Amino acid sequence: MKTKYTTWTLIITSLLILLLVIVFNTPIPISITMEGLKVKMDDKSFYESVTLTFEGNYHINLFKKDEFSGMLVVAGYKYSEETHTMLNLEITNAVNGYTITYKVKNADKYTPYPLDKFGNISSKKLLNDVVIIVFNKESESSTGGGYSATNAVCIVANETSYERAIEKAECALGITRK
């Protein structure tokens, strides 16, 4: 009787381990469209609706941050709507997030690193609470752009309330209210 119990325990444990290995090593194909708000941190009266589309593979990782590989299209931003290749994104909820970088499709032969930085993305697991901090291309042309927390343009997905969008944007920028 004891050996039968031990055998079943071993089989169930082995199946659970196999299931975990499969889940955490197999990318999940996704195609998600989210509505959100674009807000400006220096103009509290500005906001407009925007659509974000994630198409590609989501990688759930057990011991490191999740990753998204594929294409992120932000309606109204020509560069993200073109067929440039986007480098893999690390999904992190850290302040300032992870840089969204596209490989330039028609770069000339003199461009050593044909990359363009769109902005930073901050998100919880499974693309919950997505906030994109859009780079201002004029601020640091040599590095693809930058932003200041005081004048940043942020896109907050799945949010229709202006006040909540500003709160999430401030959190992504590391701004604390007094």
N, C-alpha and C. Protein backbone atom coordinates (compact mmCIF):
# COMPACT_ATOMS: atom_id res chain seq x y z
N MET A 1 0.82 -1.19 0.00
CA MET A 1 0.00 0.00 0.00
C MET A 1 0.86 1.26 0.00
N LYS A 2 1.91 1.23 0.78
CA LYS A 2 2.80 2.39 0.87
C LYS A 2 3.51 2.64 -0.45
N THR A 3 3.92 1.60 -1.15
CA THR A 3 4.60 1.79 -2.43
C THR A 3 3.65 2.33 -3.49
N LYS A 4 2.36 1.97 -3.43
CA LYS A 4 1.37 2.48 -4.36
C LYS A 4 1.17 3.99 -4.16
N TYR A 5 1.11 4.42 -2.90
CA TYR A 5 0.98 5.84 -2.56
C TYR A 5 2.21 6.60 -3.02
N THR A 6 3.38 6.06 -2.80
CA THR A 6 4.63 6.70 -3.20
C THR A 6 4.71 6.81 -4.72
N THR A 7 4.28 5.79 -5.44
CA THR A 7 4.30 5.80 -6.90
C THR A 7 3.38 6.90 -7.43
N TRP A 8 2.15 7.00 -6.90
CA TRP A 8 1.22 8.04 -7.35
C TRP A 8 1.72 9.44 -7.01
N THR A 9 2.31 9.59 -5.87
CA THR A 9 2.88 10.89 -5.48
C THR A 9 3.99 11.28 -6.45
N LEU A 10 4.82 10.36 -6.79
CA LEU A 10 5.92 10.61 -7.73
C LEU A 10 5.38 10.97 -9.12
N ILE A 11 4.35 10.25 -9.57
CA ILE A 11 3.76 10.52 -10.89
C ILE A 11 3.12 11.91 -10.91
N ILE A 12 2.36 12.25 -9.90
CA ILE A 12 1.68 13.55 -9.84
C ILE A 12 2.70 14.68 -9.75
N THR A 13 3.72 14.51 -8.93
CA THR A 13 4.77 15.52 -8.81
C THR A 13 5.49 15.72 -10.14
N SER A 14 5.80 14.63 -10.80
CA SER A 14 6.48 14.70 -12.11
C SER A 14 5.62 15.42 -13.14
N LEU A 15 4.33 15.13 -13.16
CA LEU A 15 3.42 15.79 -14.10
C LEU A 15 3.30 17.29 -13.81
N LEU A 16 3.25 17.65 -12.54
CA LEU A 16 3.20 19.07 -12.18
C LEU A 16 4.46 19.81 -12.60
N ILE A 17 5.60 19.20 -12.40
CA ILE A 17 6.87 19.81 -12.80
C ILE A 17 6.91 19.95 -14.31
N LEU A 18 6.50 18.92 -15.04
CA LEU A 18 6.46 18.97 -16.50
C LEU A 18 5.52 20.08 -16.98
N LEU A 19 4.37 20.20 -16.36
CA LEU A 19 3.42 21.25 -16.71
C LEU A 19 4.01 22.64 -16.48
N LEU A 20 4.68 22.84 -15.36
CA LEU A 20 5.32 24.13 -15.08
C LEU A 20 6.40 24.45 -16.10
N VAL A 21 7.20 23.46 -16.46
CA VAL A 21 8.26 23.68 -17.45
C VAL A 21 7.65 24.06 -18.79
N ILE A 22 6.58 23.40 -19.19
CA ILE A 22 5.92 23.71 -20.46
C ILE A 22 5.33 25.11 -20.42
N VAL A 23 4.61 25.46 -19.36
CA VAL A 23 3.97 26.77 -19.26
C VAL A 23 5.01 27.89 -19.26
N PHE A 24 6.10 27.72 -18.53
CA PHE A 24 7.08 28.80 -18.41
C PHE A 24 8.12 28.82 -19.53
N ASN A 25 8.05 27.89 -20.47
CA ASN A 25 8.98 27.90 -21.60
C ASN A 25 8.30 28.04 -22.94
N THR A 26 6.98 28.04 -22.97
CA THR A 26 6.24 28.14 -24.21
C THR A 26 5.67 29.54 -24.34
N PRO A 27 6.04 30.26 -25.40
CA PRO A 27 5.46 31.59 -25.59
C PRO A 27 3.96 31.49 -25.90
N ILE A 28 3.22 32.45 -25.42
CA ILE A 28 1.77 32.48 -25.64
C ILE A 28 1.49 33.50 -26.74
N PRO A 29 0.92 33.06 -27.87
CA PRO A 29 0.60 34.03 -28.92
C PRO A 29 -0.54 34.94 -28.46
N ILE A 30 -0.35 36.25 -28.66
CA ILE A 30 -1.39 37.20 -28.26
C ILE A 30 -1.65 38.22 -29.36
N SER A 31 -2.84 38.71 -29.39
CA SER A 31 -3.24 39.82 -30.25
C SER A 31 -4.25 40.61 -29.42
N ILE A 32 -3.77 41.68 -28.80
CA ILE A 32 -4.60 42.45 -27.87
C ILE A 32 -4.67 43.90 -28.36
N THR A 33 -5.87 44.44 -28.38
CA THR A 33 -6.06 45.85 -28.67
C THR A 33 -6.63 46.50 -27.42
N MET A 34 -5.99 47.59 -27.00
CA MET A 34 -6.40 48.31 -25.79
C MET A 34 -6.69 49.77 -26.13
N GLU A 35 -7.73 50.29 -25.54
CA GLU A 35 -8.01 51.72 -25.64
C GLU A 35 -7.38 52.39 -24.43
N GLY A 36 -6.94 53.60 -24.61
CA GLY A 36 -6.34 54.30 -23.49
C GLY A 36 -6.39 55.81 -23.68
N LEU A 37 -5.71 56.50 -22.80
CA LEU A 37 -5.63 57.96 -22.86
C LEU A 37 -4.19 58.41 -23.01
N LYS A 38 -4.00 59.43 -23.84
CA LYS A 38 -2.70 60.09 -23.94
C LYS A 38 -2.82 61.37 -23.14
N VAL A 39 -1.90 61.55 -22.18
CA VAL A 39 -1.92 62.73 -21.32
C VAL A 39 -0.55 63.41 -21.34
N LYS A 40 -0.54 64.70 -21.09
CA LYS A 40 0.70 65.46 -20.97
C LYS A 40 0.85 65.89 -19.52
N MET A 41 2.01 65.63 -18.96
CA MET A 41 2.22 65.93 -17.55
C MET A 41 2.30 67.44 -17.28
N ASP A 42 2.65 68.24 -18.29
CA ASP A 42 2.75 69.69 -18.08
C ASP A 42 1.50 70.45 -18.55
N ASP A 43 0.49 69.72 -19.04
CA ASP A 43 -0.74 70.34 -19.50
C ASP A 43 -1.91 69.49 -19.02
N LYS A 44 -2.37 69.76 -17.82
CA LYS A 44 -3.40 68.93 -17.17
C LYS A 44 -4.74 68.96 -17.91
N SER A 45 -4.91 69.91 -18.86
CA SER A 45 -6.17 69.96 -19.59
C SER A 45 -6.12 69.11 -20.88
N PHE A 46 -4.93 68.60 -21.23
CA PHE A 46 -4.79 67.83 -22.47
C PHE A 46 -4.98 66.33 -22.22
N TYR A 47 -5.84 65.74 -23.00
CA TYR A 47 -5.94 64.28 -23.05
C TYR A 47 -6.68 63.90 -24.32
N GLU A 48 -6.31 62.77 -24.88
CA GLU A 48 -7.01 62.27 -26.06
C GLU A 48 -6.96 60.74 -26.06
N SER A 49 -7.95 60.16 -26.72
CA SER A 49 -8.03 58.70 -26.80
C SER A 49 -6.99 58.17 -27.78
N VAL A 50 -6.48 56.99 -27.47
CA VAL A 50 -5.49 56.35 -28.34
C VAL A 50 -5.69 54.84 -28.26
N THR A 51 -5.31 54.16 -29.33
CA THR A 51 -5.44 52.69 -29.38
C THR A 51 -4.05 52.07 -29.43
N LEU A 52 -3.85 51.05 -28.59
CA LEU A 52 -2.60 50.28 -28.57
C LEU A 52 -2.91 48.86 -29.03
N THR A 53 -2.04 48.29 -29.85
CA THR A 53 -2.22 46.91 -30.29
C THR A 53 -0.93 46.15 -30.07
N PHE A 54 -1.02 45.06 -29.33
CA PHE A 54 0.10 44.15 -29.10
C PHE A 54 -0.16 42.90 -29.93
N GLU A 55 0.75 42.57 -30.85
CA GLU A 55 0.64 41.34 -31.63
C GLU A 55 1.98 40.64 -31.57
N GLY A 56 1.98 39.40 -31.09
CA GLY A 56 3.23 38.66 -31.00
C GLY A 56 3.12 37.55 -29.98
N ASN A 57 4.21 37.34 -29.25
CA ASN A 57 4.28 36.27 -28.26
C ASN A 57 4.62 36.84 -26.89
N TYR A 58 3.90 36.37 -25.89
CA TYR A 58 4.15 36.76 -24.51
C TYR A 58 4.85 35.59 -23.83
N HIS A 59 5.98 35.86 -23.21
CA HIS A 59 6.77 34.83 -22.54
C HIS A 59 6.65 35.01 -21.02
N ILE A 60 6.03 34.04 -20.36
CA ILE A 60 5.93 34.07 -18.90
C ILE A 60 7.20 33.43 -18.35
N ASN A 61 7.89 34.14 -17.49
CA ASN A 61 9.13 33.63 -16.91
C ASN A 61 8.98 33.51 -15.40
N LEU A 62 9.50 32.43 -14.88
CA LEU A 62 9.39 32.16 -13.45
C LEU A 62 10.45 32.91 -12.65
N PHE A 63 11.69 32.92 -13.14
CA PHE A 63 12.80 33.47 -12.36
C PHE A 63 13.32 34.81 -12.87
N LYS A 64 12.71 35.35 -13.92
CA LYS A 64 13.09 36.68 -14.41
C LYS A 64 11.83 37.37 -14.91
N LYS A 65 11.96 38.58 -15.38
CA LYS A 65 10.81 39.35 -15.81
C LYS A 65 10.23 38.75 -17.10
N ASP A 66 8.91 38.88 -17.26
CA ASP A 66 8.26 38.40 -18.46
C ASP A 66 8.76 39.22 -19.65
N GLU A 67 8.56 38.68 -20.87
CA GLU A 67 8.97 39.37 -22.09
C GLU A 67 7.84 39.33 -23.11
N PHE A 68 7.84 40.34 -23.96
CA PHE A 68 6.93 40.38 -25.10
C PHE A 68 7.77 40.53 -26.35
N SER A 69 7.55 39.67 -27.34
CA SER A 69 8.23 39.80 -28.61
C SER A 69 7.17 39.88 -29.70
N GLY A 70 7.33 40.81 -30.59
CA GLY A 70 6.34 41.00 -31.64
C GLY A 70 6.28 42.46 -32.02
N MET A 71 5.09 42.99 -32.13
CA MET A 71 4.90 44.37 -32.57
C MET A 71 3.93 45.09 -31.65
N LEU A 72 4.30 46.28 -31.27
CA LEU A 72 3.43 47.19 -30.53
C LEU A 72 3.11 48.34 -31.46
N VAL A 73 1.83 48.50 -31.78
CA VAL A 73 1.41 49.59 -32.65
C VAL A 73 0.61 50.58 -31.82
N VAL A 74 1.04 51.84 -31.86
CA VAL A 74 0.35 52.92 -31.16
C VAL A 74 -0.28 53.81 -32.23
N ALA A 75 -1.61 53.82 -32.27
CA ALA A 75 -2.32 54.61 -33.29
C ALA A 75 -1.91 56.07 -33.18
N GLY A 76 -1.65 56.67 -34.34
CA GLY A 76 -1.28 58.07 -34.37
C GLY A 76 0.22 58.32 -34.34
N TYR A 77 1.00 57.27 -34.10
CA TYR A 77 2.45 57.38 -34.12
C TYR A 77 2.96 56.62 -35.33
N LYS A 78 3.29 57.38 -36.36
CA LYS A 78 3.66 56.80 -37.65
C LYS A 78 4.73 55.73 -37.54
N TYR A 79 5.73 55.99 -36.71
CA TYR A 79 6.86 55.06 -36.64
C TYR A 79 6.44 53.69 -36.14
N SER A 80 5.56 53.64 -35.17
CA SER A 80 5.14 52.33 -34.65
C SER A 80 4.17 51.64 -35.61
N GLU A 81 3.52 52.41 -36.48
CA GLU A 81 2.57 51.82 -37.42
C GLU A 81 3.24 51.25 -38.66
N GLU A 82 4.48 51.64 -38.92
CA GLU A 82 5.21 51.10 -40.07
C GLU A 82 5.71 49.70 -39.73
N THR A 83 6.27 49.03 -40.71
CA THR A 83 6.65 47.63 -40.51
C THR A 83 8.07 47.47 -40.00
N HIS A 84 8.49 48.31 -39.09
CA HIS A 84 9.80 48.16 -38.47
C HIS A 84 9.75 47.02 -37.46
N THR A 85 10.87 46.40 -37.22
CA THR A 85 10.94 45.31 -36.26
C THR A 85 11.17 45.88 -34.86
N MET A 86 10.38 45.42 -33.91
CA MET A 86 10.55 45.87 -32.54
C MET A 86 11.38 44.84 -31.79
N LEU A 87 12.34 45.32 -31.01
CA LEU A 87 13.13 44.42 -30.18
C LEU A 87 12.28 43.93 -29.01
N ASN A 88 12.65 42.79 -28.43
CA ASN A 88 11.88 42.22 -27.32
C ASN A 88 11.75 43.21 -26.17
N LEU A 89 10.59 43.21 -25.53
CA LEU A 89 10.32 44.07 -24.38
C LEU A 89 10.37 43.25 -23.11
N GLU A 90 11.00 43.80 -22.10
CA GLU A 90 10.93 43.20 -20.77
C GLU A 90 9.74 43.84 -20.07
N ILE A 91 8.86 43.01 -19.53
CA ILE A 91 7.66 43.53 -18.87
C ILE A 91 8.00 43.77 -17.40
N THR A 92 8.06 45.04 -17.03
CA THR A 92 8.44 45.42 -15.68
C THR A 92 7.56 46.55 -15.18
N ASN A 93 7.32 46.57 -13.90
CA ASN A 93 6.53 47.62 -13.28
C ASN A 93 7.44 48.63 -12.57
N ALA A 94 8.72 48.58 -12.87
CA ALA A 94 9.68 49.48 -12.24
C ALA A 94 9.46 50.91 -12.72
N VAL A 95 9.90 51.86 -11.93
CA VAL A 95 9.82 53.26 -12.32
C VAL A 95 10.60 53.44 -13.63
N ASN A 96 10.02 54.16 -14.56
CA ASN A 96 10.56 54.43 -15.89
C ASN A 96 10.54 53.23 -16.82
N GLY A 97 10.18 52.05 -16.35
CA GLY A 97 9.93 50.91 -17.21
C GLY A 97 11.11 50.42 -18.03
N TYR A 98 10.81 49.95 -19.24
CA TYR A 98 11.78 49.33 -20.14
C TYR A 98 11.66 50.02 -21.50
N THR A 99 12.76 50.25 -22.16
CA THR A 99 12.77 51.03 -23.40
C THR A 99 12.20 50.24 -24.59
N ILE A 100 11.28 50.88 -25.31
CA ILE A 100 10.70 50.32 -26.54
C ILE A 100 11.61 50.75 -27.69
N THR A 101 12.22 49.78 -28.36
CA THR A 101 13.18 50.07 -29.42
C THR A 101 12.77 49.37 -30.70
N TYR A 102 12.80 50.11 -31.80
CA TYR A 102 12.51 49.55 -33.12
C TYR A 102 13.79 49.53 -33.95
N LYS A 103 13.97 48.49 -34.73
CA LYS A 103 15.07 48.42 -35.68
C LYS A 103 14.60 49.12 -36.96
N VAL A 104 15.35 50.11 -37.41
CA VAL A 104 14.95 50.91 -38.57
C VAL A 104 15.03 50.04 -39.83
N LYS A 105 13.93 50.01 -40.58
CA LYS A 105 13.84 49.12 -41.74
C LYS A 105 14.73 49.58 -42.89
N ASN A 106 14.71 50.85 -43.22
CA ASN A 106 15.45 51.35 -44.38
C ASN A 106 16.64 52.22 -43.98
N ALA A 107 17.40 51.76 -43.00
CA ALA A 107 18.58 52.53 -42.56
C ALA A 107 19.64 52.47 -43.65
N ASP A 108 20.39 53.57 -43.78
CA ASP A 108 21.46 53.54 -44.78
C ASP A 108 22.65 52.74 -44.26
N LYS A 109 23.56 52.42 -45.16
CA LYS A 109 24.68 51.55 -44.80
C LYS A 109 25.65 52.22 -43.83
N TYR A 110 25.53 53.53 -43.63
CA TYR A 110 26.44 54.24 -42.73
C TYR A 110 25.93 54.29 -41.29
N THR A 111 24.73 53.79 -41.08
CA THR A 111 24.16 53.78 -39.73
C THR A 111 24.63 52.53 -39.02
N PRO A 112 25.53 52.65 -38.03
CA PRO A 112 26.07 51.45 -37.40
C PRO A 112 25.02 50.68 -36.58
N TYR A 113 24.13 51.38 -35.91
CA TYR A 113 23.09 50.74 -35.11
C TYR A 113 21.76 51.37 -35.52
N PRO A 114 21.10 50.78 -36.51
CA PRO A 114 19.87 51.39 -37.02
C PRO A 114 18.69 51.15 -36.08
N LEU A 115 18.73 51.80 -34.91
CA LEU A 115 17.69 51.63 -33.92
C LEU A 115 17.03 52.97 -33.61
N ASP A 116 15.78 52.93 -33.28
CA ASP A 116 15.08 54.14 -32.86
C ASP A 116 14.29 53.82 -31.61
N LYS A 117 14.44 54.66 -30.61
CA LYS A 117 13.76 54.45 -29.34
C LYS A 117 12.46 55.23 -29.33
N PHE A 118 11.36 54.53 -29.08
CA PHE A 118 10.03 55.14 -29.09
C PHE A 118 9.67 55.72 -27.73
N GLY A 119 10.04 55.02 -26.66
CA GLY A 119 9.71 55.46 -25.31
C GLY A 119 9.96 54.33 -24.32
N ASN A 120 9.44 54.48 -23.14
CA ASN A 120 9.56 53.44 -22.11
C ASN A 120 8.18 52.88 -21.79
N ILE A 121 8.14 51.58 -21.51
CA ILE A 121 6.89 50.93 -21.15
C ILE A 121 6.98 50.39 -19.74
N SER A 122 5.94 50.61 -18.98
CA SER A 122 5.84 50.08 -17.63
C SER A 122 4.55 49.28 -17.57
N SER A 123 4.61 48.07 -17.05
CA SER A 123 3.43 47.23 -17.02
C SER A 123 3.55 46.16 -15.95
N LYS A 124 2.43 45.75 -15.42
CA LYS A 124 2.40 44.58 -14.54
C LYS A 124 2.38 43.34 -15.43
N LYS A 125 2.46 42.17 -14.82
CA LYS A 125 2.43 40.92 -15.57
C LYS A 125 1.20 40.84 -16.47
N LEU A 126 1.35 40.15 -17.58
CA LEU A 126 0.29 39.91 -18.54
C LEU A 126 -0.29 41.19 -19.12
N LEU A 127 0.54 42.21 -19.23
CA LEU A 127 0.20 43.50 -19.84
C LEU A 127 -0.97 44.19 -19.14
N ASN A 128 -0.99 44.11 -17.82
CA ASN A 128 -1.97 44.85 -17.03
C ASN A 128 -1.36 46.18 -16.63
N ASP A 129 -2.17 47.22 -16.62
CA ASP A 129 -1.73 48.58 -16.25
C ASP A 129 -0.56 49.07 -17.10
N VAL A 130 -0.71 49.02 -18.39
CA VAL A 130 0.34 49.47 -19.32
C VAL A 130 0.39 50.99 -19.34
N VAL A 131 1.60 51.53 -19.15
CA VAL A 131 1.85 52.97 -19.29
C VAL A 131 3.07 53.12 -20.20
N ILE A 132 2.93 53.93 -21.25
CA ILE A 132 4.05 54.22 -22.15
C ILE A 132 4.43 55.67 -21.98
N ILE A 133 5.71 55.90 -21.72
CA ILE A 133 6.25 57.26 -21.63
C ILE A 133 6.91 57.53 -22.98
N VAL A 134 6.30 58.38 -23.78
CA VAL A 134 6.75 58.63 -25.15
C VAL A 134 7.93 59.57 -25.13
N PHE A 135 8.99 59.19 -25.85
CA PHE A 135 10.18 60.04 -25.93
C PHE A 135 9.92 61.26 -26.80
N ASN A 136 10.49 62.37 -26.39
CA ASN A 136 10.50 63.60 -27.16
C ASN A 136 11.75 63.55 -28.04
N LYS A 137 11.57 63.41 -29.33
CA LYS A 137 12.72 63.20 -30.24
C LYS A 137 13.68 64.38 -30.26
N GLU A 138 13.22 65.57 -29.93
CA GLU A 138 14.10 66.74 -29.96
C GLU A 138 15.00 66.86 -28.74
N SER A 139 14.69 66.13 -27.67
CA SER A 139 15.42 66.36 -26.42
C SER A 139 16.82 65.77 -26.42
N GLU A 140 17.01 64.61 -27.03
CA GLU A 140 18.33 63.98 -27.06
C GLU A 140 18.47 63.21 -28.36
N SER A 141 18.67 63.91 -29.47
CA SER A 141 18.63 63.28 -30.77
C SER A 141 19.66 62.17 -30.94
N SER A 142 20.78 62.24 -30.23
CA SER A 142 21.81 61.22 -30.40
C SER A 142 21.43 59.88 -29.78
N THR A 143 20.51 59.89 -28.82
CA THR A 143 20.12 58.63 -28.18
C THR A 143 18.69 58.23 -28.52
N GLY A 144 18.08 58.91 -29.48
CA GLY A 144 16.73 58.52 -29.88
C GLY A 144 15.64 59.24 -29.13
N GLY A 145 15.99 60.16 -28.24
CA GLY A 145 14.97 60.91 -27.51
C GLY A 145 15.07 60.70 -26.03
N GLY A 146 14.24 61.42 -25.33
CA GLY A 146 14.21 61.33 -23.87
C GLY A 146 12.97 62.02 -23.37
N TYR A 147 12.91 62.22 -22.07
CA TYR A 147 11.76 62.89 -21.49
C TYR A 147 12.16 63.44 -20.13
N SER A 148 11.34 64.33 -19.66
CA SER A 148 11.46 64.86 -18.31
C SER A 148 10.14 64.54 -17.63
N ALA A 149 10.19 64.19 -16.38
CA ALA A 149 8.96 63.86 -15.65
C ALA A 149 7.98 65.03 -15.62
N THR A 150 8.50 66.25 -15.75
CA THR A 150 7.61 67.41 -15.69
C THR A 150 6.88 67.67 -16.99
N ASN A 151 7.43 67.24 -18.14
CA ASN A 151 6.75 67.51 -19.41
C ASN A 151 6.53 66.25 -20.25
N ALA A 152 6.50 65.11 -19.63
CA ALA A 152 6.36 63.84 -20.35
C ALA A 152 4.98 63.71 -20.98
N VAL A 153 4.95 63.01 -22.11
CA VAL A 153 3.70 62.59 -22.73
C VAL A 153 3.56 61.10 -22.41
N CYS A 154 2.45 60.72 -21.81
CA CYS A 154 2.24 59.33 -21.40
C CYS A 154 0.97 58.78 -22.02
N ILE A 155 1.03 57.51 -22.40
CA ILE A 155 -0.14 56.80 -22.90
C ILE A 155 -0.49 55.74 -21.86
N VAL A 156 -1.69 55.82 -21.34
CA VAL A 156 -2.14 54.91 -20.28
C VAL A 156 -3.24 54.03 -20.85
N ALA A 157 -2.97 52.72 -20.94
CA ALA A 157 -3.92 51.78 -21.54
C ALA A 157 -5.02 51.39 -20.58
N ASN A 158 -6.17 51.03 -21.16
CA ASN A 158 -7.33 50.55 -20.40
C ASN A 158 -7.77 51.53 -19.32
N GLU A 159 -7.68 52.80 -19.64
CA GLU A 159 -8.09 53.81 -18.67
C GLU A 159 -8.92 54.87 -19.39
N THR A 160 -10.08 55.17 -18.86
CA THR A 160 -10.94 56.20 -19.45
C THR A 160 -11.05 57.42 -18.54
N SER A 161 -10.66 57.25 -17.29
CA SER A 161 -10.71 58.35 -16.34
C SER A 161 -9.41 59.16 -16.41
N TYR A 162 -9.56 60.45 -16.66
CA TYR A 162 -8.39 61.32 -16.74
C TYR A 162 -7.59 61.30 -15.44
N GLU A 163 -8.27 61.37 -14.31
CA GLU A 163 -7.58 61.41 -13.01
C GLU A 163 -6.77 60.12 -12.77
N ARG A 164 -7.38 58.96 -13.07
CA ARG A 164 -6.66 57.68 -12.90
C ARG A 164 -5.50 57.58 -13.88
N ALA A 165 -5.66 58.10 -15.09
CA ALA A 165 -4.58 58.07 -16.07
C ALA A 165 -3.39 58.88 -15.57
N ILE A 166 -3.65 60.05 -15.01
CA ILE A 166 -2.58 60.89 -14.46
C ILE A 166 -1.91 60.17 -13.28
N GLU A 167 -2.69 59.55 -12.41
CA GLU A 167 -2.12 58.81 -11.27
C GLU A 167 -1.18 57.70 -11.74
N LYS A 168 -1.62 56.92 -12.72
CA LYS A 168 -0.79 55.82 -13.23
C LYS A 168 0.46 56.35 -13.93
N ALA A 169 0.32 57.45 -14.67
CA ALA A 169 1.47 58.05 -15.34
C ALA A 169 2.48 58.56 -14.30
N GLU A 170 2.00 59.21 -13.26
CA GLU A 170 2.89 59.69 -12.20
C GLU A 170 3.61 58.54 -11.52
N CYS A 171 2.90 57.44 -11.31
CA CYS A 171 3.52 56.25 -10.70
C CYS A 171 4.61 55.70 -11.60
N ALA A 172 4.35 55.61 -12.91
CA ALA A 172 5.35 55.10 -13.85
C ALA A 172 6.57 56.02 -13.92
N LEU A 173 6.35 57.32 -13.73
CA LEU A 173 7.44 58.29 -13.77
C LEU A 173 8.17 58.43 -12.44
N GLY A 174 7.63 57.82 -11.39
CA GLY A 174 8.26 57.92 -10.08
C GLY A 174 7.92 59.21 -9.36
N ILE A 175 6.82 59.84 -9.74
CA ILE A 175 6.40 61.09 -9.10
C ILE A 175 5.51 60.74 -7.92
N THR A 176 5.83 61.30 -6.77
CA THR A 176 4.98 61.10 -5.59
C THR A 176 4.25 62.40 -5.28
N ARG A 177 2.99 62.27 -4.97
CA ARG A 177 2.19 63.45 -4.62
C ARG A 177 2.44 63.86 -3.19
N LYS A 178 2.39 65.16 -2.96
CA LYS A 178 2.60 65.69 -1.62
C LYS A 178 1.30 65.99 -0.95
